[in-house]
Amino acid sequence: MKPYLSFITLAILLFSFTTTHAQRYKKIHRKAIVIDTHNDILTQCFEKHVSFDEDLRGKTQSDLKRFAQAGVDVQVFSVWCDGKKEHPYTYAKTMIDTLYATAARHPDKITVVTNSQQLMNTVKEKKLAAMIGVEGGHMIEDDMNKLDTLYKMGVRYMTLTWNNSNPWATSAMEETEDSLLHQPKGLSDFGKKIVQRMNELGMLVDLSHVGEKTFWDAISTSTKPILVSHSCVYSLCPVYRNLKDDQIKAVGKNGGLIDINFYSAFLDSNYAKRERALMIKHKTERDSLVKINPDKDLAFEFIQKKYKDEFNAIRPPLSMILDHLDYVVKLIGVDHVGMGSDFDGITSSPQQLDDVTGYPLITKALLERGYSKKDIFKIMGGNFIRILKANEKN
């Protein structure tokens, strides 16, 4: 009887510990102000002719209901178009108007906020605080007045470049590929004035996507903490979009913030090889799709959905997000790291993070790695609030 009773006692204790642990991470997640600094659902809505206040499960990685289920308190919505879009400034304004229209339809669920006080008030009201970030300086069309107008419309960060360079700033992709023709790398004099004007306005300077020369020019020009809204660590995954150690240290010295991107190929240095192997396996089918429609991205999306199990199997583990986060923390401290998922702008995310509702699992993983409740509160949102306040006008 005694061994049997011992087994029962052990089982009860184990169950009790597991339940308590589960309750603890969920409680911490609920209490934290969870902030994601980069989500591309607006682009998905434009391209798929849907609205994120609809049930978009199976179509996108996020929607209004799932933000609530995920415990996301503040979402920075990315305003994006590529460098080939005609009239990018007009397109950006239309996308911003769409966000305001969605919020107007649901005043009890979402509010567009433009400063830290509004953010805190909206969180207390248990509504989603929506913020706006413009992903690519080409959307101001080389016009300082258009930058000012976007600020007045609520934009609180601008990524100086996307993958494409613009006349006053060069991108990571083009600096790395050395595809610039007659344009010097980095910020032009006008580009430095853009950074200075952003500082004056209280608009965060976002250095995701920018080339190394642009990074150094911008961080030496800015008088306020900068943001890297959705990037990872080059030493762990050497792709052009990730930050090298000296850049990470510079962000720490600047008092800025690096928010970790959830894209598999920016987290796992071997992911791209596995994905290419799958695409080669299905090359014949993909080529036939491209003949019907030359949009290669559309063909990729079709193949990925058709062979979902194969693509799911090659996704990296969730722990890789924590590896990148740990690396930044060890290099410059816990005050300089956060989350910028890039959901709805990425084609693959780690295991267990199929969509935004996986966010609580990150809190769980942080707890398991030994992070304190205080540190988790900083990582999940407190650090962004700090740099937002530091950039606001006095």
Protein backbone atom coordinates (compact mmCIF):
# COMPACT_ATOMS: atom_id res chain seq x y z
CA MET A 1 0.00 0.00 0.00
CA LYS A 2 2.76 2.44 0.88
CA PRO A 3 4.44 2.45 -2.58
CA TYR A 4 1.00 2.89 -4.16
CA LEU A 5 0.18 5.79 -1.85
CA SER A 6 3.58 7.35 -2.56
CA PHE A 7 2.88 7.20 -6.29
CA ILE A 8 -0.54 8.82 -5.80
CA THR A 9 1.00 11.53 -3.60
CA LEU A 10 3.73 12.21 -6.19
CA ALA A 11 1.16 12.41 -8.97
CA ILE A 12 -0.95 14.87 -6.99
CA LEU A 13 2.08 17.04 -6.22
CA LEU A 14 3.19 16.98 -9.85
CA PHE A 15 -0.30 17.90 -11.06
CA SER A 16 -0.48 20.69 -8.47
CA PHE A 17 2.91 22.09 -9.55
CA THR A 18 1.99 21.97 -13.24
CA THR A 19 -1.35 23.65 -12.64
CA THR A 20 0.19 26.35 -10.45
CA HIS A 21 2.91 27.03 -13.06
CA ALA A 22 0.31 27.32 -15.81
CA GLN A 23 -1.79 29.67 -13.73
CA ARG A 24 1.30 31.75 -12.89
CA TYR A 25 2.38 32.46 -16.47
CA LYS A 26 -1.20 33.23 -17.50
CA LYS A 27 -1.57 35.60 -14.55
CA ILE A 28 1.69 37.36 -15.40
CA HIS A 29 0.66 37.64 -19.05
CA ARG A 30 -2.68 39.19 -18.07
CA LYS A 31 -1.00 41.72 -15.77
CA ALA A 32 1.72 42.70 -18.26
CA ILE A 33 1.08 45.44 -20.81
CA VAL A 34 1.72 43.36 -23.92
CA ILE A 35 2.97 45.49 -26.81
CA ASP A 36 3.81 44.29 -30.31
CA THR A 37 5.60 46.95 -32.34
CA HIS A 38 5.01 45.52 -35.80
CA ASN A 39 2.02 43.80 -37.42
CA ASP A 40 1.07 43.90 -41.11
CA ILE A 41 -2.63 43.02 -40.88
CA LEU A 42 -3.57 46.28 -42.66
CA THR A 43 -1.66 45.13 -45.74
CA GLN A 44 -3.40 41.75 -45.63
CA CYS A 45 -6.76 43.53 -45.39
CA PHE A 46 -5.97 45.68 -48.44
CA GLU A 47 -4.66 42.78 -50.52
CA LYS A 48 -7.41 40.30 -49.55
CA HIS A 49 -10.25 42.84 -49.42
CA VAL A 50 -11.18 42.01 -45.83
CA SER A 51 -11.31 43.92 -42.55
CA PHE A 52 -9.54 42.86 -39.37
CA ASP A 53 -12.72 43.27 -37.33
CA GLU A 54 -13.99 40.18 -39.17
CA ASP A 55 -13.19 36.58 -38.19
CA LEU A 56 -10.09 35.99 -40.34
CA ARG A 57 -8.97 32.64 -38.97
CA GLY A 58 -7.48 30.61 -41.80
CA LYS A 59 -6.88 33.77 -43.83
CA THR A 60 -4.52 35.82 -41.67
CA GLN A 61 -2.40 35.55 -38.54
CA SER A 62 -4.40 38.14 -36.60
CA ASP A 63 -7.71 39.96 -36.26
CA LEU A 64 -9.43 42.08 -33.63
CA LYS A 65 -10.88 39.15 -31.71
CA ARG A 66 -7.59 37.26 -31.68
CA PHE A 67 -5.68 40.30 -30.39
CA ALA A 68 -7.99 40.16 -27.36
CA GLN A 69 -7.59 36.40 -27.00
CA ALA A 70 -3.79 36.81 -27.14
CA GLY A 71 -3.78 39.41 -24.38
CA VAL A 72 -2.21 41.99 -26.72
CA ASP A 73 -2.85 45.40 -25.16
CA VAL A 74 -1.05 47.65 -27.65
CA GLN A 75 -0.53 46.92 -31.33
CA VAL A 76 1.52 49.11 -33.64
CA PHE A 77 -0.08 48.66 -37.06
CA SER A 78 2.37 48.81 -39.94
CA VAL A 79 1.53 51.03 -42.91
CA TRP A 80 3.42 49.51 -45.83
CA CYS A 81 3.79 49.51 -49.58
CA ASP A 82 6.81 48.56 -51.63
CA GLY A 83 8.96 51.02 -53.54
CA LYS A 84 7.12 50.35 -56.78
CA LYS A 85 3.75 51.66 -55.59
CA GLU A 86 2.55 54.79 -57.36
CA HIS A 87 1.65 57.64 -55.02
CA PRO A 88 2.87 55.89 -51.84
CA TYR A 89 1.97 58.88 -49.65
CA THR A 90 -1.68 58.75 -50.74
CA TYR A 91 -1.70 54.99 -50.24
CA ALA A 92 -0.30 55.41 -46.72
CA LYS A 93 -2.99 57.95 -45.81
CA THR A 94 -5.72 55.64 -47.14
CA MET A 95 -4.41 52.77 -45.04
CA ILE A 96 -4.31 55.00 -41.94
CA ASP A 97 -7.88 56.14 -42.61
CA THR A 98 -8.93 52.48 -42.77
CA LEU A 99 -7.51 51.87 -39.30
CA TYR A 100 -9.42 54.85 -37.92
CA ALA A 101 -12.62 53.63 -39.62
CA THR A 102 -12.22 50.19 -38.05
CA ALA A 103 -11.70 51.75 -34.62
CA ALA A 104 -14.77 53.98 -35.11
CA ARG A 105 -16.90 50.88 -35.71
CA HIS A 106 -15.77 49.38 -32.38
CA PRO A 107 -15.24 52.18 -29.84
CA ASP A 108 -15.67 49.65 -27.03
CA LYS A 109 -12.84 47.42 -28.32
CA ILE A 110 -10.15 49.55 -29.96
CA THR A 111 -8.85 53.12 -29.80
CA VAL A 112 -6.13 54.76 -31.89
CA VAL A 113 -3.65 56.37 -29.48
CA THR A 114 -0.79 58.78 -30.11
CA ASN A 115 1.00 59.15 -26.78
CA SER A 116 1.91 57.24 -23.64
CA GLN A 117 -0.88 58.73 -21.54
CA GLN A 118 -3.56 57.77 -24.07
CA LEU A 119 -1.96 54.33 -24.27
CA MET A 120 -2.20 53.80 -20.51
CA ASN A 121 -5.77 55.10 -20.36
CA THR A 122 -6.88 52.77 -23.16
CA VAL A 123 -5.19 49.76 -21.54
CA LYS A 124 -7.00 50.56 -18.26
CA GLU A 125 -10.27 50.59 -20.21
CA LYS A 126 -9.37 47.06 -21.40
CA LYS A 127 -9.41 48.06 -25.05
CA LEU A 128 -6.78 47.52 -27.72
CA ALA A 129 -4.56 50.60 -28.01
CA ALA A 130 -3.76 50.95 -31.71
CA MET A 131 -0.67 52.85 -32.81
CA ILE A 132 0.66 53.55 -36.30
CA GLY A 133 4.10 52.97 -37.80
CA VAL A 134 5.05 53.75 -41.40
CA GLU A 135 7.34 51.07 -42.85
CA GLY A 136 9.47 52.85 -45.41
CA GLY A 137 10.58 56.47 -45.77
CA HIS A 138 9.66 56.44 -49.47
CA MET A 139 6.07 57.06 -48.34
CA ILE A 140 6.82 60.70 -47.51
CA GLU A 141 7.92 61.21 -51.14
CA ASP A 142 10.97 63.29 -50.14
CA ASP A 143 8.71 65.97 -48.67
CA MET A 144 9.18 67.12 -45.07
CA ASN A 145 5.63 68.53 -45.03
CA LYS A 146 4.27 65.05 -45.74
CA LEU A 147 6.22 63.71 -42.77
CA ASP A 148 4.54 66.37 -40.63
CA THR A 149 1.12 65.44 -41.98
CA LEU A 150 1.64 61.75 -41.22
CA TYR A 151 2.59 62.70 -37.68
CA LYS A 152 -0.62 64.73 -37.36
CA MET A 153 -2.52 61.66 -38.59
CA GLY A 154 -1.11 59.65 -35.68
CA VAL A 155 2.06 58.05 -37.04
CA ARG A 156 4.51 57.54 -34.16
CA TYR A 157 7.35 55.74 -35.85
CA MET A 158 8.77 55.62 -39.34
CA THR A 159 11.13 52.93 -40.60
CA LEU A 160 13.64 54.95 -42.62
CA THR A 161 13.72 52.39 -45.44
CA TRP A 162 12.01 49.18 -46.38
CA ASN A 163 14.00 46.72 -48.55
CA ASN A 164 14.15 49.45 -51.18
CA SER A 165 16.38 52.48 -50.67
CA ASN A 166 15.04 56.00 -51.14
CA PRO A 167 16.95 59.10 -52.31
CA TRP A 168 18.00 60.00 -48.75
CA ALA A 169 18.58 56.59 -47.06
CA THR A 170 19.94 53.23 -48.22
CA SER A 171 18.45 49.88 -47.20
CA ALA A 172 20.04 46.77 -45.75
CA MET A 173 19.07 44.74 -48.81
CA GLU A 174 20.63 47.13 -51.32
CA GLU A 175 23.70 47.92 -49.24
CA THR A 176 24.34 44.18 -48.80
CA GLU A 177 23.72 43.31 -52.44
CA ASP A 178 25.78 46.35 -53.48
CA SER A 179 23.02 47.13 -55.99
CA LEU A 180 23.14 50.91 -55.49
CA LEU A 181 24.12 52.63 -58.71
CA HIS A 182 25.09 56.25 -58.16
CA GLN A 183 23.83 56.71 -54.60
CA PRO A 184 26.32 56.78 -51.70
CA LYS A 185 25.51 54.44 -48.81
CA GLY A 186 23.91 55.90 -45.69
CA LEU A 187 21.91 59.03 -44.97
CA SER A 188 22.16 62.08 -47.19
CA ASP A 189 22.13 65.55 -45.63
CA PHE A 190 18.38 65.60 -46.26
CA GLY A 191 18.08 62.20 -44.57
CA LYS A 192 19.79 63.57 -41.48
CA LYS A 193 17.30 66.46 -41.47
CA ILE A 194 14.48 63.90 -41.62
CA VAL A 195 15.86 62.19 -38.49
CA GLN A 196 16.21 65.55 -36.75
CA ARG A 197 12.64 66.49 -37.67
CA MET A 198 11.36 63.16 -36.36
CA ASN A 199 13.13 63.91 -33.07
CA GLU A 200 11.47 67.34 -32.95
CA LEU A 201 8.02 65.92 -33.67
CA GLY A 202 8.28 63.05 -31.23
CA MET A 203 8.21 60.35 -33.93
CA LEU A 204 10.41 57.34 -33.18
CA VAL A 205 13.23 56.66 -35.64
CA ASP A 206 12.95 52.98 -36.64
CA LEU A 207 16.12 51.31 -37.92
CA SER A 208 14.77 47.92 -38.98
CA HIS A 209 15.50 47.33 -42.69
CA VAL A 210 18.18 50.04 -42.94
CA GLY A 211 21.69 49.39 -44.22
CA GLU A 212 24.66 49.44 -41.85
CA LYS A 213 25.86 52.83 -43.08
CA THR A 214 22.35 54.25 -42.69
CA PHE A 215 22.16 52.71 -39.20
CA TRP A 216 25.35 54.43 -38.04
CA ASP A 217 24.43 57.75 -39.64
CA ALA A 218 20.97 57.69 -38.07
CA ILE A 219 21.98 56.62 -34.58
CA SER A 220 24.70 59.28 -34.48
CA THR A 221 22.20 61.92 -35.68
CA SER A 222 19.30 61.08 -33.38
CA THR A 223 19.22 62.83 -30.01
CA LYS A 224 16.53 60.47 -28.71
CA PRO A 225 16.30 56.68 -28.17
CA ILE A 226 15.76 54.82 -31.42
CA LEU A 227 13.59 51.80 -32.16
CA VAL A 228 14.44 48.65 -34.10
CA SER A 229 10.84 47.50 -34.49
CA HIS A 230 11.23 43.99 -35.94
CA SER A 231 14.74 42.55 -36.26
CA CYS A 232 16.90 39.75 -34.84
CA VAL A 233 20.54 38.92 -34.06
CA TYR A 234 23.08 38.52 -36.88
CA SER A 235 25.46 36.38 -34.80
CA LEU A 236 22.72 33.74 -34.41
CA CYS A 237 21.28 34.07 -37.91
CA PRO A 238 23.50 35.93 -40.41
CA VAL A 239 21.01 37.54 -42.77
CA TYR A 240 21.14 41.14 -43.97
CA ARG A 241 18.12 42.19 -41.89
CA ASN A 242 19.61 41.27 -38.53
CA LEU A 243 21.77 43.36 -36.20
CA LYS A 244 25.47 42.76 -35.65
CA ASP A 245 26.95 42.92 -32.16
CA ASP A 246 28.36 46.44 -32.54
CA GLN A 247 24.96 47.66 -33.71
CA ILE A 248 23.23 46.01 -30.75
CA LYS A 249 25.70 47.65 -28.37
CA ALA A 250 25.07 51.02 -30.04
CA VAL A 251 21.32 50.65 -29.47
CA GLY A 252 22.01 49.98 -25.79
CA LYS A 253 24.27 53.04 -25.52
CA ASN A 254 21.59 55.13 -27.25
CA GLY A 255 18.96 53.94 -24.73
CA GLY A 256 16.96 52.40 -27.58
CA LEU A 257 14.99 49.21 -28.08
CA ILE A 258 15.32 46.08 -30.25
CA ASP A 259 12.09 44.15 -30.80
CA ILE A 260 12.50 40.55 -31.91
CA ASN A 261 11.02 39.48 -35.24
CA PHE A 262 9.19 36.11 -35.37
CA TYR A 263 10.08 35.26 -38.99
CA SER A 264 11.58 31.77 -39.18
CA ALA A 265 14.31 32.76 -41.64
CA PHE A 266 15.51 35.60 -39.36
CA LEU A 267 15.62 33.31 -36.31
CA ASP A 268 17.01 30.04 -37.69
CA SER A 269 20.10 30.15 -39.92
CA ASN A 270 19.14 26.80 -41.51
CA TYR A 271 15.48 27.54 -42.19
CA ALA A 272 15.97 29.07 -45.64
CA LYS A 273 17.77 25.92 -46.85
CA ARG A 274 14.92 23.71 -45.65
CA GLU A 275 12.35 25.93 -47.30
CA ARG A 276 14.27 26.00 -50.59
CA ALA A 277 14.46 22.20 -50.56
CA LEU A 278 10.68 21.99 -50.24
CA MET A 279 10.14 24.48 -53.06
CA ILE A 280 12.51 22.49 -55.29
CA LYS A 281 10.52 19.36 -54.45
CA HIS A 282 7.35 21.10 -55.68
CA LYS A 283 9.04 23.09 -58.47
CA THR A 284 7.04 21.62 -61.33
CA GLU A 285 3.75 22.53 -59.71
CA ARG A 286 4.99 25.99 -58.77
CA ASP A 287 6.25 26.69 -62.31
CA SER A 288 2.87 25.72 -63.74
CA LEU A 289 1.19 28.20 -61.35
CA VAL A 290 3.56 30.99 -62.38
CA LYS A 291 2.64 30.38 -66.03
CA ILE A 292 -0.99 31.04 -65.14
CA ASN A 293 -0.20 34.01 -62.88
CA PRO A 294 3.33 35.52 -62.86
CA ASP A 295 3.02 36.52 -59.19
CA LYS A 296 5.64 34.23 -57.60
CA ASP A 297 4.55 35.14 -54.07
CA LEU A 298 1.04 33.95 -54.83
CA ALA A 299 2.41 30.66 -56.16
CA PHE A 300 4.53 30.24 -53.03
CA GLU A 301 1.51 30.89 -50.80
CA PHE A 302 -0.54 28.29 -52.71
CA ILE A 303 2.19 25.64 -52.42
CA GLN A 304 2.71 26.41 -48.74
CA LYS A 305 -0.99 25.99 -47.97
CA LYS A 306 -1.40 22.86 -50.09
CA TYR A 307 1.54 21.14 -48.40
CA LYS A 308 0.89 22.61 -44.98
CA ASP A 309 2.19 19.64 -42.97
CA GLU A 310 5.51 19.63 -44.83
CA PHE A 311 6.05 23.34 -44.24
CA ASN A 312 4.98 23.10 -40.60
CA ALA A 313 7.55 20.37 -40.01
CA ILE A 314 10.48 22.62 -41.01
CA ARG A 315 9.52 25.54 -38.74
CA PRO A 316 12.03 26.29 -35.95
CA PRO A 317 11.12 25.79 -32.29
CA LEU A 318 9.64 28.66 -30.29
CA SER A 319 12.79 28.60 -28.15
CA MET A 320 14.72 30.36 -30.93
CA ILE A 321 12.85 33.59 -30.21
CA LEU A 322 14.15 33.30 -26.65
CA ASP A 323 17.67 32.58 -27.91
CA HIS A 324 17.73 35.89 -29.79
CA LEU A 325 16.17 37.72 -26.88
CA ASP A 326 18.67 36.19 -24.42
CA TYR A 327 21.54 37.24 -26.67
CA VAL A 328 20.45 40.88 -26.65
CA VAL A 329 19.86 40.81 -22.89
CA LYS A 330 23.35 39.41 -22.22
CA LEU A 331 24.93 42.01 -24.49
CA ILE A 332 23.08 45.20 -23.43
CA GLY A 333 20.57 44.33 -20.72
CA VAL A 334 16.88 43.57 -20.27
CA ASP A 335 15.86 47.24 -20.69
CA HIS A 336 16.52 47.16 -24.43
CA VAL A 337 14.51 44.25 -25.83
CA GLY A 338 10.87 43.61 -26.72
CA MET A 339 8.56 42.01 -29.29
CA GLY A 340 7.93 43.01 -32.91
CA SER A 341 6.33 39.88 -34.34
CA ASP A 342 5.85 40.91 -37.99
CA PHE A 343 2.69 38.76 -37.97
CA ASP A 344 0.83 39.00 -41.28
CA GLY A 345 4.02 40.17 -42.91
CA ILE A 346 5.79 36.80 -42.61
CA THR A 347 5.20 33.46 -44.31
CA SER A 348 6.55 31.30 -41.48
CA SER A 349 6.75 31.62 -37.70
CA PRO A 350 8.10 29.23 -35.05
CA GLN A 351 6.31 26.12 -33.83
CA GLN A 352 3.33 26.85 -31.55
CA LEU A 353 3.06 30.42 -32.87
CA ASP A 354 0.60 29.80 -35.68
CA ASP A 355 -0.96 33.19 -35.10
CA VAL A 356 -1.12 36.03 -32.60
CA THR A 357 -2.97 33.89 -30.04
CA GLY A 358 0.33 32.13 -29.26
CA TYR A 359 1.63 35.22 -27.46
CA PRO A 360 1.05 33.84 -23.91
CA LEU A 361 3.47 31.03 -24.71
CA ILE A 362 6.27 33.59 -24.97
CA THR A 363 5.52 34.75 -21.43
CA LYS A 364 5.58 31.10 -20.36
CA ALA A 365 8.93 30.57 -22.07
CA LEU A 366 10.39 33.70 -20.45
CA LEU A 367 9.32 32.42 -17.05
CA GLU A 368 10.88 29.02 -17.76
CA ARG A 369 14.15 30.73 -18.72
CA GLY A 370 14.29 32.33 -15.31
CA TYR A 371 13.17 35.85 -16.12
CA SER A 372 11.55 37.62 -13.18
CA LYS A 373 8.05 39.06 -13.32
CA LYS A 374 9.58 42.55 -13.35
CA ASP A 375 11.78 41.68 -16.34
CA ILE A 376 8.88 40.06 -18.20
CA PHE A 377 6.83 43.22 -17.73
CA LYS A 378 9.69 45.21 -19.29
CA ILE A 379 10.14 42.84 -22.22
CA MET A 380 6.46 42.47 -23.03
CA GLY A 381 5.79 46.21 -23.14
CA GLY A 382 7.40 48.34 -20.46
CA ASN A 383 10.53 49.01 -22.51
CA PHE A 384 8.51 50.38 -25.42
CA ILE A 385 6.55 52.68 -23.12
CA ARG A 386 9.87 54.00 -21.82
CA ILE A 387 11.23 54.96 -25.25
CA LEU A 388 7.84 56.28 -26.35
CA LYS A 389 7.87 58.68 -23.38
CA ALA A 390 11.50 59.59 -24.08
CA ASN A 391 10.59 60.59 -27.65
CA GLU A 392 7.51 62.61 -26.76
CA LYS A 393 7.67 66.40 -26.73
CA ASN A 394 8.39 67.88 -23.32
